[in-house]
Amino acid sequence: MRSWLAATAASVLLLSPLAASAQESADALNAQQRHGRQLLAQSCGVCHLPTELGAKTYGPPLTKAAGNGDDAIMREYITNGTPRMPAFRYYLADEDISAIIAYVRTVPVAAASAR
């Protein structure tokens, strides 16, 4: 009986409009972009992602406009750092940096400021 109830509850949740919307947005990302989203959350999130409790972040929100929309600038910042940001050249492989850039280029400017 419990398994039937759990299966029914899961199917209701999966069929809800919110779940469908969330799955559509997740499906819009390719494998490289999904990997970049995960790396951004793990490696960059402490400074660049908004916090839940309203605390300020150290770095600017990362959107498709980051680095003036120039992938070479983003790569330079991530690889070699800036005066306020550490370099990740010894921590992230080139393909990981490319994945982060690919994901950041999917993040709309307005969405980052609304978070």
Protein backbone atom coordinates (compact mmCIF):
# COMPACT_ATOMS: atom_id res chain seq x y z
CA MET A 1 0.00 0.00 0.00
CA ARG A 2 2.81 2.40 0.86
CA SER A 3 4.56 1.81 -2.48
CA TRP A 4 1.31 2.51 -4.34
CA LEU A 5 0.79 5.72 -2.34
CA ALA A 6 4.36 6.82 -2.98
CA ALA A 7 4.03 6.06 -6.70
CA THR A 8 0.76 8.01 -6.89
CA ALA A 9 2.24 10.99 -5.06
CA ALA A 10 5.30 10.95 -7.31
CA SER A 11 3.17 10.86 -10.46
CA VAL A 12 1.05 13.78 -9.24
CA LEU A 13 4.18 15.81 -8.58
CA LEU A 14 5.69 14.94 -11.94
CA LEU A 15 2.51 15.94 -13.74
CA SER A 16 2.17 19.28 -11.97
CA PRO A 17 2.85 22.44 -14.01
CA LEU A 18 5.77 23.47 -11.77
CA ALA A 19 7.55 20.17 -12.18
CA ALA A 20 7.02 20.26 -15.94
CA SER A 21 8.40 23.79 -16.10
CA ALA A 22 11.46 22.89 -14.03
CA GLN A 23 12.14 19.84 -16.16
CA GLU A 24 11.81 21.84 -19.39
CA SER A 25 14.40 24.36 -18.22
CA ALA A 26 16.75 21.58 -17.12
CA ASP A 27 16.31 19.81 -20.46
CA ALA A 28 17.20 23.02 -22.31
CA LEU A 29 20.81 22.64 -21.11
CA ASN A 30 23.18 20.29 -22.88
CA ALA A 31 25.52 17.96 -20.96
CA GLN A 32 28.39 20.48 -20.97
CA GLN A 33 26.15 23.26 -19.63
CA ARG A 34 24.74 21.01 -16.89
CA HIS A 35 28.29 20.10 -15.88
CA GLY A 36 29.17 23.81 -15.87
CA ARG A 37 26.17 24.57 -13.66
CA GLN A 38 27.34 21.95 -11.16
CA LEU A 39 30.93 23.26 -11.20
CA LEU A 40 29.73 26.85 -10.79
CA ALA A 41 27.68 25.87 -7.74
CA GLN A 42 30.61 23.94 -6.23
CA SER A 43 33.52 26.23 -7.09
CA CYS A 44 32.08 29.69 -7.67
CA GLY A 45 28.81 29.70 -5.74
CA VAL A 46 30.19 30.89 -2.42
CA CYS A 47 31.05 34.25 -4.02
CA HIS A 48 28.83 34.54 -7.08
CA LEU A 49 25.47 32.95 -6.23
CA PRO A 50 22.93 34.81 -4.09
CA THR A 51 22.51 33.47 -0.59
CA GLU A 52 19.20 32.43 0.90
CA LEU A 53 19.48 34.56 4.03
CA GLY A 54 20.04 37.87 2.27
CA ALA A 55 23.78 38.07 2.92
CA LYS A 56 25.84 39.96 0.36
CA THR A 57 27.91 38.08 -2.16
CA TYR A 58 31.59 38.84 -2.77
CA GLY A 59 31.47 38.73 -6.57
CA PRO A 60 29.02 39.93 -9.18
CA PRO A 61 26.23 37.64 -10.37
CA LEU A 62 27.38 35.54 -13.31
CA THR A 63 25.18 35.94 -16.37
CA LYS A 64 25.64 35.83 -20.12
CA ALA A 65 26.87 39.43 -19.87
CA ALA A 66 29.80 38.47 -17.58
CA GLY A 67 33.17 39.43 -19.01
CA ASN A 68 31.32 41.71 -21.44
CA GLY A 69 30.02 38.56 -23.13
CA ASP A 70 33.55 37.61 -24.17
CA ASP A 71 34.49 33.98 -23.48
CA ALA A 72 38.24 34.78 -23.64
CA ILE A 73 37.86 37.32 -20.83
CA MET A 74 35.87 34.84 -18.73
CA ARG A 75 38.52 32.18 -19.33
CA GLU A 76 41.27 34.61 -18.29
CA TYR A 77 39.43 35.55 -15.08
CA ILE A 78 38.75 31.94 -14.13
CA THR A 79 42.20 30.66 -15.06
CA ASN A 80 44.39 33.43 -13.64
CA GLY A 81 42.07 35.14 -11.18
CA THR A 82 41.82 38.84 -10.47
CA PRO A 83 42.98 40.95 -7.52
CA ARG A 84 39.77 39.94 -5.70
CA MET A 85 39.31 36.42 -7.10
CA PRO A 86 41.57 33.39 -6.79
CA ALA A 87 42.97 31.63 -9.85
CA PHE A 88 41.47 28.24 -10.61
CA ARG A 89 44.13 27.05 -13.10
CA TYR A 90 45.41 24.38 -10.70
CA TYR A 91 41.94 23.30 -9.61
CA LEU A 92 39.88 23.22 -12.82
CA ALA A 93 40.77 21.54 -16.11
CA ASP A 94 40.36 23.46 -19.37
CA GLU A 95 37.20 21.50 -20.21
CA ASP A 96 35.75 22.36 -16.78
CA ILE A 97 36.39 26.06 -17.38
CA SER A 98 34.75 25.74 -20.80
CA ALA A 99 31.74 24.06 -19.17
CA ILE A 100 31.36 26.88 -16.65
CA ILE A 101 31.54 29.47 -19.43
CA ALA A 102 29.01 27.50 -21.51
CA TYR A 103 26.58 27.46 -18.58
CA VAL A 104 27.09 31.13 -17.66
CA ARG A 105 26.25 32.08 -21.25
CA THR A 106 22.77 30.54 -20.73
CA VAL A 107 21.94 32.63 -17.64
CA PRO A 108 19.79 35.66 -18.54
CA VAL A 109 20.85 38.99 -17.08
CA ALA A 110 17.48 39.77 -15.48
CA ALA A 111 17.22 36.32 -13.85
CA ALA A 112 20.43 36.74 -11.90
CA SER A 113 19.44 40.12 -10.48
CA ALA A 114 15.98 38.85 -9.53
CA ARG A 115 17.38 36.03 -7.36
